[in-house]
Amino acid sequence: MVRRQGRVTGAGPAGIGRISGGFGLALVLGLALSLTPSPAAAYVGPGIGLGLLGTLIAVVGAVLVGLFGIILYPISLLRKKLRRRTEADNAESAPATKSD
């Protein structure tokens, strides 16, 4: 740390690692103004509303189908593996028949 003209500056090149006073104040004021709610005099008609509702239903449905697949796919693989194992066990334990 180096003290110059009453201000502490970083050890790196000028402007890196510190925010100057004017920019910091502008940043804080800009954030405060952008986060302040203001009324929106806007009208959303039935066409836009129904389109938004349809899109929302489609996105939620896609997420649910994806989760359903992620959950059920390993179960399906396990069932197939167990079915093949029992079929192999049944084939081994079945008596051999001779055809004359």
Protein backbone atom coordinates (compact mmCIF):
# COMPACT_ATOMS: atom_id res chain seq x y z
CA MET A 1 0.00 0.00 0.00
CA VAL A 2 1.25 3.42 -0.94
CA ARG A 3 -0.09 6.67 0.50
CA ARG A 4 -0.29 9.48 -2.06
CA GLN A 5 -1.87 12.85 -1.43
CA GLY A 6 -3.89 11.55 1.51
CA ARG A 7 -5.34 8.56 -0.37
CA VAL A 8 -4.35 4.93 -0.11
CA THR A 9 -3.83 3.25 -3.46
CA GLY A 10 -3.28 -0.38 -4.33
CA ALA A 11 0.09 -1.87 -5.10
CA GLY A 12 -0.85 -2.71 -8.71
CA PRO A 13 -1.10 -0.48 -11.78
CA ALA A 14 -3.22 2.65 -11.52
CA GLY A 15 -6.95 1.99 -11.65
CA ILE A 16 -6.74 -1.74 -11.00
CA GLY A 17 -8.05 -3.01 -7.68
CA ARG A 18 -9.81 0.18 -6.59
CA ILE A 19 -12.87 2.21 -7.56
CA SER A 20 -12.45 5.94 -7.74
CA GLY A 21 -14.79 8.04 -5.60
CA GLY A 22 -16.84 9.51 -8.45
CA PHE A 23 -17.39 6.20 -10.21
CA GLY A 24 -18.34 4.44 -6.97
CA LEU A 25 -20.92 7.10 -6.15
CA ALA A 26 -22.35 6.91 -9.68
CA LEU A 27 -22.50 3.11 -9.43
CA VAL A 28 -24.36 3.21 -6.11
CA LEU A 29 -26.80 5.87 -7.35
CA GLY A 30 -27.38 4.00 -10.60
CA LEU A 31 -28.13 0.77 -8.75
CA ALA A 32 -30.46 2.55 -6.33
CA LEU A 33 -32.39 4.19 -9.17
CA SER A 34 -32.64 1.00 -11.22
CA LEU A 35 -33.94 -1.00 -8.25
CA THR A 36 -36.57 1.60 -7.34
CA PRO A 37 -39.97 0.41 -8.54
CA SER A 38 -41.96 2.60 -10.86
CA PRO A 39 -45.47 2.04 -12.22
CA ALA A 40 -45.66 0.58 -15.70
CA ALA A 41 -48.58 1.95 -17.69
CA ALA A 42 -48.79 -1.12 -19.90
CA TYR A 43 -51.64 -3.28 -21.10
CA VAL A 44 -51.26 -6.97 -21.72
CA GLY A 45 -54.04 -8.10 -24.02
CA PRO A 46 -55.63 -11.53 -24.07
CA GLY A 47 -53.53 -12.69 -27.03
CA ILE A 48 -50.23 -12.00 -25.29
CA GLY A 49 -51.58 -13.40 -22.02
CA LEU A 50 -52.69 -16.67 -23.59
CA GLY A 51 -49.41 -16.97 -25.48
CA LEU A 52 -47.49 -16.46 -22.25
CA LEU A 53 -49.68 -19.01 -20.48
CA GLY A 54 -49.14 -21.57 -23.25
CA THR A 55 -45.39 -21.02 -23.18
CA LEU A 56 -45.31 -21.36 -19.41
CA ILE A 57 -47.26 -24.64 -19.55
CA ALA A 58 -44.91 -25.96 -22.26
CA VAL A 59 -41.77 -25.08 -20.28
CA VAL A 60 -43.12 -26.61 -17.07
CA GLY A 61 -44.21 -29.71 -19.00
CA ALA A 62 -40.78 -30.08 -20.61
CA VAL A 63 -39.06 -29.82 -17.25
CA LEU A 64 -41.41 -32.41 -15.73
CA VAL A 65 -40.94 -34.82 -18.65
CA GLY A 66 -37.17 -34.39 -18.35
CA LEU A 67 -37.22 -35.12 -14.63
CA PHE A 68 -39.56 -38.07 -15.20
CA GLY A 69 -37.13 -39.51 -17.75
CA ILE A 70 -34.11 -38.97 -15.53
CA ILE A 71 -35.84 -40.79 -12.69
CA LEU A 72 -37.38 -43.65 -14.69
CA TYR A 73 -34.55 -44.46 -17.11
CA PRO A 74 -32.30 -46.16 -14.50
CA ILE A 75 -35.31 -48.08 -13.18
CA SER A 76 -36.09 -49.28 -16.71
CA LEU A 77 -32.49 -50.44 -17.20
CA LEU A 78 -32.58 -52.29 -13.88
CA ARG A 79 -35.84 -54.05 -14.79
CA LYS A 80 -34.40 -55.17 -18.15
CA LYS A 81 -31.24 -56.47 -16.47
CA LEU A 82 -33.24 -58.41 -13.87
CA ARG A 83 -35.57 -59.83 -16.54
CA ARG A 84 -32.61 -61.07 -18.60
CA ARG A 85 -31.02 -62.59 -15.51
CA THR A 86 -34.19 -64.49 -14.56
CA GLU A 87 -34.65 -65.70 -18.15
CA ALA A 88 -31.05 -66.97 -18.17
CA ASP A 89 -31.55 -68.69 -14.81
CA ASN A 90 -34.78 -70.31 -16.04
CA ALA A 91 -33.06 -71.51 -19.23
CA GLU A 92 -30.23 -73.11 -17.21
CA SER A 93 -32.51 -74.81 -14.71
CA ALA A 94 -34.99 -76.14 -17.31
CA PRO A 95 -34.60 -79.85 -18.02
CA ALA A 96 -32.99 -80.68 -21.32
CA THR A 97 -35.30 -82.52 -23.70
CA LYS A 98 -34.18 -84.84 -26.40
CA SER A 99 -35.89 -84.88 -29.69
CA ASP A 100 -35.57 -88.22 -31.43
